[in-house]
C-alpha atoms as a PDB file:
ATOM      1  CA  MET A   1     -25.457  68.983  19.835  1.00  0.00           C
ATOM      2  CA  HIS A   2     -22.336  69.252  17.981  1.00  0.00           C
ATOM      3  CA  VAL A   3     -21.388  66.143  15.977  1.00  0.00           C
ATOM      4  CA  ASP A   4     -17.803  65.492  15.000  1.00  0.00           C
ATOM      5  CA  TRP A   5     -18.278  64.172  11.498  1.00  0.00           C
ATOM      6  CA  THR A   6     -14.613  63.423  11.261  1.00  0.00           C
ATOM      7  CA  THR A   7     -14.637  61.048  14.308  1.00  0.00           C
ATOM      8  CA  VAL A   8     -17.941  59.512  12.834  1.00  0.00           C
ATOM      9  CA  ALA A   9     -16.417  59.010   9.461  1.00  0.00           C
ATOM     10  CA  SER A  10     -13.254  57.319  11.077  1.00  0.00           C
ATOM     11  CA  LEU A  11     -15.582  55.003  13.042  1.00  0.00           C
ATOM     12  CA  ALA A  12     -17.527  54.013   9.952  1.00  0.00           C
ATOM     13  CA  THR A  13     -14.351  53.297   8.075  1.00  0.00           C
ATOM     14  CA  ALA A  14     -13.017  51.203  10.990  1.00  0.00           C
ATOM     15  CA  ALA A  15     -16.274  49.228  11.032  1.00  0.00           C
ATOM     16  CA  GLY A  16     -16.298  48.690   7.442  1.00  0.00           C
ATOM     17  CA  THR A  17     -12.716  47.609   7.410  1.00  0.00           C
ATOM     18  CA  LEU A  18     -13.393  45.106  10.288  1.00  0.00           C
ATOM     19  CA  VAL A  19     -16.479  43.722   8.405  1.00  0.00           C
ATOM     20  CA  LEU A  20     -14.404  43.356   5.293  1.00  0.00           C
ATOM     21  CA  ALA A  21     -11.590  41.673   7.290  1.00  0.00           C
ATOM     22  CA  VAL A  22     -14.014  39.053   8.754  1.00  0.00           C
ATOM     23  CA  ALA A  23     -15.642  38.448   5.298  1.00  0.00           C
ATOM     24  CA  THR A  24     -12.007  37.964   3.983  1.00  0.00           C
ATOM     25  CA  PHE A  25     -11.060  35.586   6.637  1.00  0.00           C
ATOM     26  CA  ALA A  26     -14.275  33.635   6.259  1.00  0.00           C
ATOM     27  CA  ALA A  27     -13.794  33.431   2.583  1.00  0.00           C
ATOM     28  CA  VAL A  28     -10.169  32.434   2.854  1.00  0.00           C
ATOM     29  CA  ARG A  29     -11.066  29.656   5.450  1.00  0.00           C
ATOM     30  CA  SER A  30     -13.782  28.376   3.231  1.00  0.00           C
ATOM     31  CA  ALA A  31     -11.445  28.421   0.121  1.00  0.00           C
ATOM     32  CA  ASN A  32      -8.735  26.430   2.197  1.00  0.00           C
ATOM     33  CA  GLN A  33     -11.306  23.924   3.392  1.00  0.00           C
ATOM     34  CA  ALA A  34     -12.646  23.404  -0.322  1.00  0.00           C
ATOM     35  CA  ALA A  35      -9.103  22.922  -1.469  1.00  0.00           C
ATOM     36  CA  ARG A  36      -8.214  20.471   1.319  1.00  0.00           C
ATOM     37  CA  THR A  37     -11.581  18.526   0.523  1.00  0.00           C
ATOM     38  CA  ALA A  38     -10.513  18.473  -3.159  1.00  0.00           C
ATOM     39  CA  GLU A  39      -7.049  17.302  -2.338  1.00  0.00           C
ATOM     40  CA  LEU A  40      -8.425  14.445  -0.124  1.00  0.00           C
ATOM     41  CA  SER A  41     -10.912  13.609  -3.030  1.00  0.00           C
ATOM     42  CA  LEU A  42      -8.010  13.512  -5.442  1.00  0.00           C
ATOM     43  CA  LEU A  43      -5.763  11.299  -3.248  1.00  0.00           C
ATOM     44  CA  THR A  44      -8.518   8.838  -2.593  1.00  0.00           C
ATOM     45  CA  ALA A  45      -9.130   8.503  -6.416  1.00  0.00           C
ATOM     46  CA  LEU A  46      -5.430   7.645  -6.816  1.00  0.00           C
ATOM     47  CA  ARG A  47      -5.226   5.290  -3.698  1.00  0.00           C
ATOM     48  CA  PRO A  48      -4.598   1.469  -4.359  1.00  0.00           C
ATOM     49  CA  LEU A  49      -5.412  -1.205  -1.753  1.00  0.00           C
ATOM     50  CA  PHE A  50      -4.247  -4.714  -2.346  1.00  0.00           C
ATOM     51  CA  VAL A  51      -6.081  -7.950  -1.080  1.00  0.00           C
ATOM     52  CA  PRO A  52      -5.560 -11.492  -1.864  1.00  0.00           C
ATOM     53  CA  SER A  53      -7.299 -12.521  -5.299  1.00  0.00           C
ATOM     54  CA  ARG A  54     -10.426 -14.435  -5.171  1.00  0.00           C
ATOM     55  CA  LEU A  55     -10.513 -18.291  -5.618  1.00  0.00           C
ATOM     56  CA  GLN A  56     -12.637 -17.877  -8.829  1.00  0.00           C
ATOM     57  CA  ASP A  57     -10.222 -15.408 -10.248  1.00  0.00           C
ATOM     58  CA  ASP A  58      -8.427 -16.456 -13.418  1.00  0.00           C
ATOM     59  CA  MET A  59      -5.006 -18.221 -13.016  1.00  0.00           C
ATOM     60  CA  GLN A  60      -2.090 -15.980 -13.268  1.00  0.00           C
ATOM     61  CA  LYS A  61       0.933 -16.950 -15.447  1.00  0.00           C
ATOM     62  CA  VAL A  62       3.995 -15.368 -14.336  1.00  0.00           C
ATOM     63  CA  LEU A  63       7.335 -14.990 -16.180  1.00  0.00           C
ATOM     64  CA  PHE A  64      10.792 -14.556 -14.262  1.00  0.00           C
ATOM     65  CA  VAL A  65      13.777 -12.955 -15.833  1.00  0.00           C
ATOM     66  CA  ASP A  66      15.466 -16.435 -16.269  1.00  0.00           C
ATOM     67  CA  GLY A  67      12.704 -17.666 -18.300  1.00  0.00           C
ATOM     68  CA  LYS A  68      10.994 -19.712 -15.574  1.00  0.00           C
ATOM     69  CA  TRP A  69       7.162 -19.567 -15.642  1.00  0.00           C
ATOM     70  CA  LEU A  70       4.940 -20.293 -12.621  1.00  0.00           C
ATOM     71  CA  ARG A  71       1.185 -20.706 -12.896  1.00  0.00           C
ATOM     72  CA  VAL A  72      -0.791 -19.826  -9.825  1.00  0.00           C
ATOM     73  CA  PRO A  73      -4.624 -19.924  -9.284  1.00  0.00           C
ATOM     74  CA  GLY A  74      -6.676 -17.333  -7.636  1.00  0.00           C
ATOM     75  CA  GLY A  75      -6.551 -17.065  -3.825  1.00  0.00           C
ATOM     76  CA  CYS A  76      -3.359 -19.223  -3.571  1.00  0.00           C
ATOM     77  CA  ALA A  77       0.335 -18.755  -3.904  1.00  0.00           C
ATOM     78  CA  ALA A  78       3.105 -20.500  -5.731  1.00  0.00           C
ATOM     79  CA  VAL A  79       6.541 -21.163  -4.231  1.00  0.00           C
ATOM     80  CA  GLU A  80       9.130 -23.409  -6.175  1.00  0.00           C
ATOM     81  CA  SER A  81      12.801 -24.148  -5.665  1.00  0.00           C
ATOM     82  CA  GLU A  82      14.637 -24.988  -8.833  1.00  0.00           C
ATOM     83  CA  ASN A  83      18.384 -24.970  -9.644  1.00  0.00           C
ATOM     84  CA  GLY A  84      19.221 -23.063  -6.537  1.00  0.00           C
ATOM     85  CA  VAL A  85      16.595 -20.371  -7.109  1.00  0.00           C
ATOM     86  CA  ILE A  86      13.610 -19.970  -4.948  1.00  0.00           C
ATOM     87  CA  TYR A  87      10.700 -18.494  -6.772  1.00  0.00           C
ATOM     88  CA  LEU A  88       7.644 -16.793  -5.247  1.00  0.00           C
ATOM     89  CA  THR A  89       4.407 -15.279  -6.615  1.00  0.00           C
ATOM     90  CA  MET A  90       1.022 -14.371  -5.349  1.00  0.00           C
ATOM     91  CA  PRO A  91      -2.080 -13.396  -7.238  1.00  0.00           C
ATOM     92  CA  LEU A  92      -3.478 -10.054  -6.006  1.00  0.00           C
ATOM     93  CA  ARG A  93      -6.654  -7.954  -6.437  1.00  0.00           C
ATOM     94  CA  ASN A  94      -6.530  -4.114  -6.361  1.00  0.00           C
ATOM     95  CA  VAL A  95      -9.728  -3.119  -4.577  1.00  0.00           C
ATOM     96  CA  GLY A  96      -8.731   0.549  -4.421  1.00  0.00           C
ATOM     97  CA  SER A  97      -9.711   3.189  -6.824  1.00  0.00           C
ATOM     98  CA  GLY A  98      -6.226   4.003  -8.074  1.00  0.00           C
ATOM     99  CA  ILE A  99      -3.337   2.300 -10.072  1.00  0.00           C
ATOM    100  CA  GLY A 100      -1.039   0.645  -7.606  1.00  0.00           C
ATOM    101  CA  ILE A 101       2.691  -0.054  -8.000  1.00  0.00           C
ATOM    102  CA  ILE A 102       4.773  -2.513  -5.875  1.00  0.00           C
ATOM    103  CA  HIS A 103       8.019  -0.932  -4.510  1.00  0.00           C
ATOM    104  CA  GLY A 104       9.438  -4.172  -2.509  1.00  0.00           C
ATOM    105  CA  TRP A 105       8.830  -7.067  -0.326  1.00  0.00           C
ATOM    106  CA  ARG A 106      10.047  -8.553   3.045  1.00  0.00           C
ATOM    107  CA  PHE A 107       9.846 -12.409   3.551  1.00  0.00           C
ATOM    108  CA  TYR A 108       9.521 -14.266   6.917  1.00  0.00           C
ATOM    109  CA  PRO A 109       9.603 -18.124   7.255  1.00  0.00           C
ATOM    110  CA  ASP A 110       6.485 -18.349   9.388  1.00  0.00           C
ATOM    111  CA  TRP A 111       3.093 -16.789   9.864  1.00  0.00           C
ATOM    112  CA  ASP A 112       2.649 -14.205  12.594  1.00  0.00           C
ATOM    113  CA  ALA A 113       0.084 -11.447  11.904  1.00  0.00           C
ATOM    114  CA  GLY A 114       1.042  -9.713  14.990  1.00  0.00           C
ATOM    115  CA  ARG A 115       4.695  -9.169  14.143  1.00  0.00           C
ATOM    116  CA  PRO A 116       5.554  -5.482  14.294  1.00  0.00           C
ATOM    117  CA  ARG A 117       5.588  -3.431  11.015  1.00  0.00           C
ATOM    118  CA  PRO A 118       8.924  -3.742   9.332  1.00  0.00           C
ATOM    119  CA  ASP A 119      11.259  -0.780   8.606  1.00  0.00           C
ATOM    120  CA  LEU A 120      11.397   0.434   5.026  1.00  0.00           C
ATOM    121  CA  ASP A 121      15.158  -0.348   4.735  1.00  0.00           C
ATOM    122  CA  GLU A 122      14.292  -3.988   5.319  1.00  0.00           C
ATOM    123  CA  PHE A 123      12.514  -4.373   2.067  1.00  0.00           C
ATOM    124  CA  HIS A 124      13.923  -5.958  -0.892  1.00  0.00           C
ATOM    125  CA  LEU A 125      13.352  -3.799  -3.976  1.00  0.00           C
ATOM    126  CA  GLN A 126      11.513  -4.932  -6.980  1.00  0.00           C
ATOM    127  CA  THR A 127      13.667  -5.628 -10.142  1.00  0.00           C
ATOM    128  CA  ARG A 128      10.849  -4.806 -12.417  1.00  0.00           C
ATOM    129  CA  ASP A 129       7.933  -2.429 -12.177  1.00  0.00           C
ATOM    130  CA  ILE A 130       4.743  -4.286 -11.411  1.00  0.00           C
ATOM    131  CA  TYR A 131       1.341  -2.316 -11.577  1.00  0.00           C
ATOM    132  CA  LEU A 132      -2.068  -3.446 -10.527  1.00  0.00           C
ATOM    133  CA  PRO A 133      -5.019  -1.608 -12.303  1.00  0.00           C
ATOM    134  CA  PRO A 134      -7.923  -0.622  -9.939  1.00  0.00           C
ATOM    135  CA  GLY A 135     -10.764  -3.205  -9.795  1.00  0.00           C
ATOM    136  CA  ASP A 136      -8.637  -5.949 -11.402  1.00  0.00           C
ATOM    137  CA  ALA A 137      -6.435  -8.808 -10.438  1.00  0.00           C
ATOM    138  CA  GLY A 138      -2.664  -8.944 -11.040  1.00  0.00           C
ATOM    139  CA  PHE A 139       0.343 -10.504  -9.221  1.00  0.00           C
ATOM    140  CA  TRP A 140       3.576 -10.066  -7.208  1.00  0.00           C
ATOM    141  CA  GLN A 141       6.610 -11.999  -7.888  1.00  0.00           C
ATOM    142  CA  ALA A 142      10.303 -12.351  -6.471  1.00  0.00           C
ATOM    143  CA  ALA A 143      13.011 -14.878  -6.180  1.00  0.00           C
ATOM    144  CA  PHE A 144      15.921 -15.739  -3.907  1.00  0.00           C
ATOM    145  CA  ARG A 145      19.070 -16.125  -6.041  1.00  0.00           C
ATOM    146  CA  ASP A 146      21.858 -15.093  -3.775  1.00  0.00           C
ATOM    147  CA  LEU A 147      22.947 -17.929  -1.602  1.00  0.00           C
ATOM    148  CA  ASP A 148      24.584 -15.271   0.765  1.00  0.00           C
ATOM    149  CA  ASP A 149      21.335 -13.565   1.341  1.00  0.00           C
ATOM    150  CA  PRO A 150      20.635 -14.230   5.216  1.00  0.00           C
ATOM    151  CA  GLN A 151      17.054 -15.115   4.348  1.00  0.00           C
ATOM    152  CA  TYR A 152      17.787 -17.782   1.608  1.00  0.00           C
ATOM    153  CA  ASP A 153      18.282 -20.794   3.904  1.00  0.00           C
ATOM    154  CA  GLU A 154      15.169 -19.732   5.919  1.00  0.00           C
ATOM    155  CA  ALA A 155      13.221 -19.592   2.595  1.00  0.00           C
ATOM    156  CA  CYS A 156      14.658 -22.958   1.449  1.00  0.00           C
ATOM    157  CA  LYS A 157      13.669 -24.717   4.818  1.00  0.00           C
ATOM    158  CA  ALA A 158      10.078 -23.230   4.579  1.00  0.00           C
ATOM    159  CA  VAL A 159       9.653 -24.314   0.986  1.00  0.00           C
ATOM    160  CA  THR A 160      10.941 -27.858   1.563  1.00  0.00           C
ATOM    161  CA  SER A 161       8.975 -28.395   4.737  1.00  0.00           C
ATOM    162  CA  ARG A 162       5.940 -26.736   3.277  1.00  0.00           C
ATOM    163  CA  GLY A 163       5.475 -24.589   6.169  1.00  0.00           C
ATOM    164  CA  GLN A 164       3.624 -21.372   6.660  1.00  0.00           C
ATOM    165  CA  MET A 165       5.218 -18.187   5.232  1.00  0.00           C
ATOM    166  CA  THR A 166       4.712 -14.325   5.397  1.00  0.00           C
ATOM    167  CA  VAL A 167       5.476 -11.842   2.806  1.00  0.00           C
ATOM    168  CA  ASP A 168       5.071  -8.037   3.521  1.00  0.00           C
ATOM    169  CA  ILE A 169       4.492  -5.906   0.310  1.00  0.00           C
ATOM    170  CA  LEU A 170       5.343  -2.376   0.160  1.00  0.00           C
ATOM    171  CA  TYR A 171       3.281  -0.569  -2.539  1.00  0.00           C
ATOM    172  CA  GLY A 172       1.717   2.917  -3.311  1.00  0.00           C
ATOM    173  CA  ASP A 173      -0.040   4.986  -6.010  1.00  0.00           C
ATOM    174  CA  HIS A 174       1.373   5.346  -9.352  1.00  0.00           C
ATOM    175  CA  GLU A 175       2.824   8.846  -8.395  1.00  0.00           C
ATOM    176  CA  GLY A 176       4.923   7.125  -5.753  1.00  0.00           C
ATOM    177  CA  GLY A 177       2.918   8.390  -2.805  1.00  0.00           C
ATOM    178  CA  GLN A 178       0.334   6.980  -0.364  1.00  0.00           C
ATOM    179  CA  ARG A 179       2.507   3.851   0.474  1.00  0.00           C
ATOM    180  CA  VAL A 180       1.031   1.030   2.274  1.00  0.00           C
ATOM    181  CA  ILE A 181       2.424  -2.358   3.662  1.00  0.00           C
ATOM    182  CA  THR A 182       0.169  -5.328   3.590  1.00  0.00           C
ATOM    183  CA  ARG A 183       1.150  -8.471   5.292  1.00  0.00           C
ATOM    184  CA  PHE A 184       0.148 -11.641   3.264  1.00  0.00           C
ATOM    185  CA  GLY A 185       0.260 -15.091   4.888  1.00  0.00           C
ATOM    186  CA  LEU A 186       0.968 -18.266   2.810  1.00  0.00           C
ATOM    187  CA  LEU A 187      -0.887 -21.282   4.465  1.00  0.00           C
ATOM    188  CA  PRO A 188      -0.036 -24.725   3.228  1.00  0.00           C
ATOM    189  CA  ARG A 189      -2.870 -26.390   1.497  1.00  0.00           C
ATOM    190  CA  GLY A 190      -2.142 -30.121   1.459  1.00  0.00           C
ATOM    191  CA  ASP A 191      -0.011 -30.797  -1.770  1.00  0.00           C
ATOM    192  CA  GLU A 192      -1.678 -28.160  -3.712  1.00  0.00           C
ATOM    193  CA  GLY A 193       0.307 -25.155  -2.920  1.00  0.00           C
ATOM    194  CA  TRP A 194      -0.442 -22.458  -0.325  1.00  0.00           C
ATOM    195  CA  LEU A 195      -3.620 -20.663   0.368  1.00  0.00           C
ATOM    196  CA  LEU A 196      -3.269 -16.757   0.453  1.00  0.00           C
ATOM    197  CA  THR A 197      -4.547 -14.522   3.150  1.00  0.00           C
ATOM    198  CA  ALA A 198      -3.899 -10.905   4.513  1.00  0.00           C
ATOM    199  CA  GLY A 199      -3.370 -10.025   7.990  1.00  0.00           C
ATOM    200  CA  ARG A 200      -2.364  -6.388   8.513  1.00  0.00           C
ATOM    201  CA  TYR A 201      -2.202  -3.071   6.675  1.00  0.00           C
ATOM    202  CA  TRP A 202      -0.108  -0.142   7.576  1.00  0.00           C
ATOM    203  CA  ASN A 203      -0.136   3.332   6.169  1.00  0.00           C
ATOM    204  CA  VAL A 204       3.510   4.674   5.539  1.00  0.00           C
ATOM    205  CA  ASP A 205       2.786   8.399   4.378  1.00  0.00           C
ATOM    206  CA  ARG A 206      -0.582   8.925   6.113  1.00  0.00           C
ATOM    207  CA  PRO A 207      -1.609   8.470   9.606  1.00  0.00           C
ATOM    208  CA  ASP A 208      -2.543   4.861  10.661  1.00  0.00           C
ATOM    209  CA  PRO A 209      -6.206   4.542  11.634  1.00  0.00           C
ATOM    210  CA  ARG A 210      -5.228   2.283  14.525  1.00  0.00           C
ATOM    211  CA  ASP A 211      -2.951   4.930  16.044  1.00  0.00           C
ATOM    212  CA  ARG A 212      -4.616   6.649  19.027  1.00  0.00           C
ATOM    213  CA  PRO A 213      -3.651   9.974  20.553  1.00  0.00           C
ATOM    214  CA  SER A 214      -1.784   9.611  23.745  1.00  0.00           C
END
C-alpha cells in the first residue's frame, strides 16, 4: 500500500495547529476571566457604602464656611435656621471597604422612600470635598443660602414646622467612580432634633441589583 507522506504530514500539521489554537483560546479565555475577577476584586476593595451612623457613635462637630458650628449626635441629624441660612448636617458611617467622597445632595421637604431616583443634574454640588474612611464615621453638611433657590422656602417651612425631610446623597469611591445615591430620611424626634434613617440605594455606574431583565 502506497502511503502519501506529504498528505500525512499536512494532516499532522493541521491537527497540531488546531490543538494549538484550542489551547490558545482556552488560555486567553482563562486569562480574561482571571483579569475580570481581579478587576472586580479591586473595585470591591475601593467601594464605599454609606449608612446612618449608630446612636452610640461619637457626636460630630461640624464647621460651616461662615464660622457656624453644629453638633450632631450619632444616628440623628441637625437642621437649623439662622440669619437667613438653613444649615443641614448628618453623621454617616462608611460600611464599605473603600474611601468614599461625597459629590452632591438633593433635598425634599417630606419623607417618601418610594420617590423615583433623581436625575444627576438635580443634585447640588458640594462646595468642599468630604471624605469618609472605610469602617469609620464622618458627616455630610450643606446649607441653603440663596433665597432665590426654588427649594429655599420648602426647606424653611420643613425646618420651622419640624416636619419630615429627605436628603439624597450622591457619592462614590475616591477615584471618582462606582457612584451611589443613598436616600436618607430625617424624622422628627420630639424637641431633640431628627432621627436619621436610610431608605433606598441606587447604583449609578453599575447595574442596579433590583433591575430585572425584561
